Protein backbone atom coordinates (compact mmCIF):
# COMPACT_ATOMS: atom_id res chain seq x y z
CA MET A 1 69.69 95.90 -64.48
CA VAL A 2 72.23 97.15 -67.10
CA PHE A 3 70.73 100.80 -68.39
CA VAL A 4 70.27 100.76 -71.95
CA LYS A 5 69.98 104.32 -73.54
CA GLY A 6 66.64 104.76 -74.99
CA ASN A 7 64.84 102.64 -72.20
CA ILE A 8 61.76 103.97 -70.65
CA PRO A 9 61.25 103.40 -66.95
CA TRP A 10 58.32 101.44 -66.15
CA SER A 11 57.33 104.29 -63.41
CA LYS A 12 57.59 107.02 -66.30
CA GLY A 13 54.10 109.04 -66.13
CA LYS A 14 52.64 107.21 -63.14
CA LYS A 15 51.50 110.32 -60.81
CA GLY A 16 51.80 109.88 -56.85
CA PHE A 17 54.06 107.32 -57.54
CA ILE A 18 56.66 107.24 -54.24
CA PRO A 19 59.86 105.73 -54.32
CA TRP A 20 60.30 102.43 -51.88
CA ASN A 21 63.47 104.99 -50.52
CA LYS A 22 62.05 107.85 -50.08
CA GLY A 23 62.80 109.54 -46.42
CA LEU A 24 65.55 106.77 -45.47
CA LYS A 25 68.55 107.65 -44.56
CA HIS A 26 72.44 106.45 -44.65
CA SER A 27 73.44 105.09 -41.37
CA GLU A 28 76.56 105.96 -39.34
CA LYS A 29 78.53 103.04 -40.50
CA THR A 30 77.52 103.58 -44.47
CA ARG A 31 78.07 107.17 -44.54
CA ARG A 32 81.55 106.79 -43.17
CA LYS A 33 82.28 104.08 -45.54
CA ILE A 34 81.08 106.54 -48.30
CA SER A 35 82.93 108.97 -47.24
CA GLN A 36 86.31 106.92 -46.87
CA ARG A 37 85.63 105.78 -50.72
CA MET A 38 85.39 109.32 -51.79
CA LYS A 39 88.56 110.67 -49.92
CA GLY A 40 91.13 111.84 -52.27
CA ARG A 41 89.18 111.50 -55.26
CA LYS A 42 90.01 113.90 -58.00
CA LEU A 43 87.96 114.48 -61.46
CA SER A 44 90.56 113.67 -64.56
CA LYS A 45 91.15 116.06 -66.97
CA GLU A 46 89.40 113.58 -69.52
CA TRP A 47 86.36 113.80 -67.49
CA LEU A 48 86.20 117.63 -67.01
CA ALA A 49 86.89 117.87 -70.54
CA LYS A 50 83.39 115.83 -71.32
CA LEU A 51 81.95 117.71 -68.56
CA VAL A 52 82.96 121.28 -70.85
CA ALA A 53 81.99 119.26 -73.65
CA SER A 54 78.41 118.14 -72.64
CA ARG A 55 77.36 120.70 -70.05
CA LYS A 56 79.38 123.97 -72.02
CA LEU A 57 80.71 124.73 -68.31
CA SER A 58 83.97 126.27 -67.81
CA TYR A 59 86.22 124.78 -65.02
CA LYS A 60 88.79 127.31 -65.11
CA PRO A 61 88.96 129.25 -61.69
CA LYS A 62 87.81 132.47 -61.41
CA VAL A 63 90.57 135.31 -61.24
CA ILE A 64 90.33 138.36 -59.29
CA GLU A 65 92.24 141.35 -59.35
CA PHE A 66 92.80 143.03 -56.12
CA ASN A 67 95.72 145.86 -55.56
CA GLY A 68 97.15 145.17 -59.04
CA GLN A 69 97.55 141.33 -58.28
CA VAL A 70 95.36 138.95 -60.30
CA LYS A 71 94.99 135.75 -58.34
CA SER A 72 92.08 132.92 -58.08
CA LEU A 73 89.79 132.95 -55.01
CA LEU A 74 91.70 129.49 -53.62
CA GLU A 75 95.24 131.94 -54.06
CA TRP A 76 93.71 134.85 -52.48
CA ALA A 77 92.59 132.79 -49.29
CA LYS A 78 95.87 131.04 -48.86
CA VAL A 79 97.17 134.85 -48.89
CA VAL A 80 94.70 135.67 -45.93
CA GLY A 81 94.97 132.32 -44.38
CA ILE A 82 91.46 131.57 -44.00
CA LYS A 83 89.27 128.73 -45.71
CA PRO A 84 88.24 129.45 -49.77
CA GLU A 85 84.56 129.02 -48.18
CA THR A 86 84.84 130.96 -45.82
CA LEU A 87 85.80 134.18 -48.08
CA ARG A 88 83.46 133.15 -50.99
CA LYS A 89 80.77 133.04 -48.28
CA ARG A 90 81.75 136.73 -47.28
CA ILE A 91 81.51 137.79 -50.67
CA ASN A 92 78.42 135.99 -52.49
CA THR A 93 76.30 135.79 -49.19
CA MET A 94 77.28 138.74 -47.45
CA LYS A 95 77.58 140.92 -50.18
CA TRP A 96 81.19 142.03 -49.43
CA SER A 97 83.60 143.47 -51.55
CA LEU A 98 86.94 141.46 -52.14
CA SER A 99 88.45 144.53 -50.75
CA ARG A 100 86.55 144.52 -47.51
CA ALA A 101 87.01 140.66 -46.90
CA LEU A 102 90.63 140.58 -47.30
CA THR A 103 91.10 143.66 -45.07
CA GLU A 104 88.87 142.27 -42.45
CA TYR A 105 91.23 138.91 -42.48
CA ALA A 106 94.10 140.39 -43.33
CA CYS A 107 94.18 142.73 -40.13
CA LYS A 108 92.56 140.38 -37.70
CA GLY A 109 94.76 140.57 -34.33
CA ARG A 110 96.98 143.41 -35.36
CA THR A 111 97.12 146.59 -33.67
CA GLY A 112 96.86 150.02 -34.74
CA PRO A 113 100.16 151.77 -34.30
CA LYS A 114 98.34 154.46 -32.43
CA LYS A 115 96.96 152.18 -29.86
CA GLY A 116 97.36 152.95 -26.16
CA TRP A 117 98.59 156.89 -27.31
CA HIS A 118 97.29 159.31 -25.71
CA HIS A 119 97.55 163.49 -26.21
CA THR A 120 99.40 165.63 -23.54
CA LEU A 121 97.58 167.24 -21.50
CA GLU A 122 98.40 170.41 -23.37
CA ALA A 123 97.56 169.10 -26.39
CA ARG A 124 94.04 168.27 -24.96
CA ASN A 125 93.95 172.20 -23.86
CA LYS A 126 94.36 173.43 -27.06
CA ILE A 127 92.26 171.03 -28.74
CA GLY A 128 89.31 172.31 -26.11
CA LEU A 129 90.00 175.60 -27.08
CA ALA A 130 90.03 175.25 -30.47
CA ASN A 131 86.86 174.19 -30.24
CA LYS A 132 85.32 176.67 -27.82
CA ARG A 133 82.40 179.26 -27.92
CA GLU A 134 82.12 180.70 -31.13
CA LYS A 135 84.67 178.62 -32.89
CA ASN A 136 82.41 175.58 -32.04
CA ASN A 137 79.44 175.04 -34.98
CA ASN A 138 77.06 174.37 -32.24
CA TRP A 139 77.72 177.41 -30.00
CA ASN A 140 74.00 178.86 -29.53
CA GLY A 141 75.47 182.46 -27.99
CA GLY A 142 76.31 181.11 -24.43
CA ILE A 143 72.65 179.46 -22.84
CA THR A 144 74.45 176.91 -21.26
CA ARG A 145 74.14 177.05 -17.27
CA LEU A 146 77.26 178.13 -15.64
CA SER A 147 77.09 174.77 -13.86
CA GLY A 148 77.22 172.74 -17.12
CA ILE A 149 79.94 174.95 -18.27
CA ILE A 150 82.26 173.61 -15.40
CA ARG A 151 81.26 169.98 -15.90
CA SER A 152 82.38 169.94 -19.33
CA SER A 153 85.62 171.77 -18.93
CA PHE A 154 88.82 170.41 -19.21
CA GLU A 155 89.54 171.27 -15.89
CA TYR A 156 86.88 169.45 -14.32
CA GLY A 157 87.89 166.45 -16.26
CA LEU A 158 91.05 166.39 -14.45
CA TRP A 159 89.59 167.05 -11.05
CA ARG A 160 87.09 164.12 -11.82
CA LYS A 161 90.28 161.92 -12.89
CA SER A 162 92.30 163.13 -9.97
CA ILE A 163 89.91 161.55 -7.27
CA PHE A 164 89.26 158.30 -9.32
CA MET A 165 92.93 157.60 -9.11
CA ARG A 166 93.31 158.94 -5.37
CA ASP A 167 90.43 156.35 -4.30
CA GLY A 168 91.78 153.52 -6.66
CA TYR A 169 88.64 153.57 -9.23
CA ARG A 170 86.34 152.13 -6.29
CA CYS A 171 83.31 153.42 -4.51
CA VAL A 172 84.46 154.81 -1.25
CA LEU A 173 81.22 153.42 0.41
CA CYS A 174 80.22 150.24 -1.35
CA LEU A 175 83.68 149.50 -2.71
CA ASP A 176 82.12 148.65 -6.25
CA ASN A 177 84.87 148.84 -9.04
CA THR A 178 82.55 148.36 -12.07
CA GLY A 179 83.50 150.48 -15.23
CA GLY A 180 81.54 152.82 -16.14
CA ASN A 181 79.45 152.86 -13.03
CA LEU A 182 81.77 155.54 -10.99
CA GLU A 183 81.04 159.52 -10.62
CA ALA A 184 82.81 161.92 -8.79
CA ASP A 185 80.60 163.33 -6.05
CA HIS A 186 81.20 166.66 -4.00
CA ILE A 187 81.36 166.64 -0.47
CA LYS A 188 79.82 170.05 -0.41
CA PRO A 189 77.60 170.97 -3.20
CA LEU A 190 78.98 172.82 -6.66
CA ALA A 191 76.03 175.34 -6.06
CA ILE A 192 77.41 176.54 -2.59
CA ILE A 193 80.63 176.86 -3.66
CA THR A 194 79.69 179.05 -6.67
CA ARG A 195 76.94 181.30 -4.35
CA GLU A 196 79.86 181.52 -1.39
CA ASN A 197 82.54 182.42 -3.56
CA ASN A 198 80.35 184.69 -6.05
CA ILE A 199 81.37 182.96 -9.38
CA LYS A 200 79.41 184.21 -12.21
CA THR A 201 81.85 183.36 -14.93
CA PHE A 202 83.70 180.24 -15.99
CA ASP A 203 86.77 182.66 -15.82
CA ASP A 204 86.02 183.20 -12.03
CA ALA A 205 85.51 179.16 -11.79
CA LYS A 206 89.15 179.06 -12.70
CA VAL A 207 90.94 180.83 -10.18
CA CYS A 208 88.67 179.53 -7.25
CA ASP A 209 90.82 177.08 -5.47
CA GLU A 210 88.20 175.57 -3.57
CA LEU A 211 86.43 174.47 -6.60
CA TRP A 212 89.12 172.32 -7.48
CA ASP A 213 90.20 170.72 -4.39
CA ILE A 214 90.34 167.24 -4.37
CA ASN A 215 89.53 167.18 -0.87
CA ASN A 216 86.09 168.35 -1.77
CA GLY A 217 85.24 165.13 -3.72
CA ARG A 218 85.01 161.15 -3.42
CA THR A 219 84.58 158.28 -5.82
CA LEU A 220 80.86 156.93 -5.54
CA CYS A 221 79.06 154.55 -7.38
CA LYS A 222 75.78 155.62 -8.96
CA LYS A 223 73.41 153.85 -6.66
CA CYS A 224 75.29 155.49 -3.73
CA HIS A 225 75.58 158.70 -5.45
CA GLU A 226 71.93 158.71 -5.59
CA ASN A 227 71.29 158.07 -2.17
CA THR A 228 73.35 161.20 -1.14
CA ASP A 229 71.32 164.25 0.21
CA THR A 230 72.90 166.57 -2.81
CA TYR A 231 72.26 164.44 -5.62
CA ARG A 232 71.05 166.32 -8.66
CA PHE A 233 67.74 168.05 -7.44
CA LYS A 234 68.33 167.38 -4.16
CA ALA A 235 71.00 169.66 -3.74
CA LEU A 236 68.47 172.56 -3.76
CA ASN A 237 66.79 171.32 -0.66
CA TYR A 238 70.29 171.20 0.53
CA VAL A 239 71.24 174.99 -0.06
CA ARG A 240 67.98 176.10 1.26
CA SER A 241 68.47 173.85 4.22
CA GLN A 242 71.90 175.68 5.01
CA ASP A 243 70.42 179.24 4.30
CA THR A 244 68.00 178.28 7.08
CA ILE A 245 70.99 177.57 9.65
């Protein structure tokens, strides 16, 4: 049936009418035929001009200015090397700014100039001294216990790392080498060392050779460390038992 302008369809005004093809889906064969037929088709300039005239639409590509350059969304996508749909989704759906979307994809896979770079021991020590005690904003007049000061010191970090390197970053009891699960254990508890050497301040701890002896340390995983007789509060019972001997 040829469409005639002004023709009134027979179903107009009929409420509740259900079309015969409602809910029906194209078969896979039909969908492939439609896809093959539509491939490569482009709207002609004449047809686009009709669309603009009839619907008052603008088919000119939206230009975006970034870093002094003016390009369309398609051109920016080609510069970064991603699909235009992906860039459009980042900007419209996820409310990203253009600079964030372009920067993320432009820097993807690149490494920073300082990746793998570490401070020297001398520089690390200077940074620690520059943020120590009164120079630190969190300083409360020295209420931290001596054991906490020792364990958070730069020297203790070197002692701990030396033990890990000697044991190959592996628990000496169960051979666990899971990252973040290893701890440095004092064979002779820290409390006994500080008591026997009469250590009252951190300056006294610095000159105590027994405190920094790596032969007094071993690498343990958290589970094996918890099972030792000197783990945390169990160390108090261990110290008391040594006093009674």
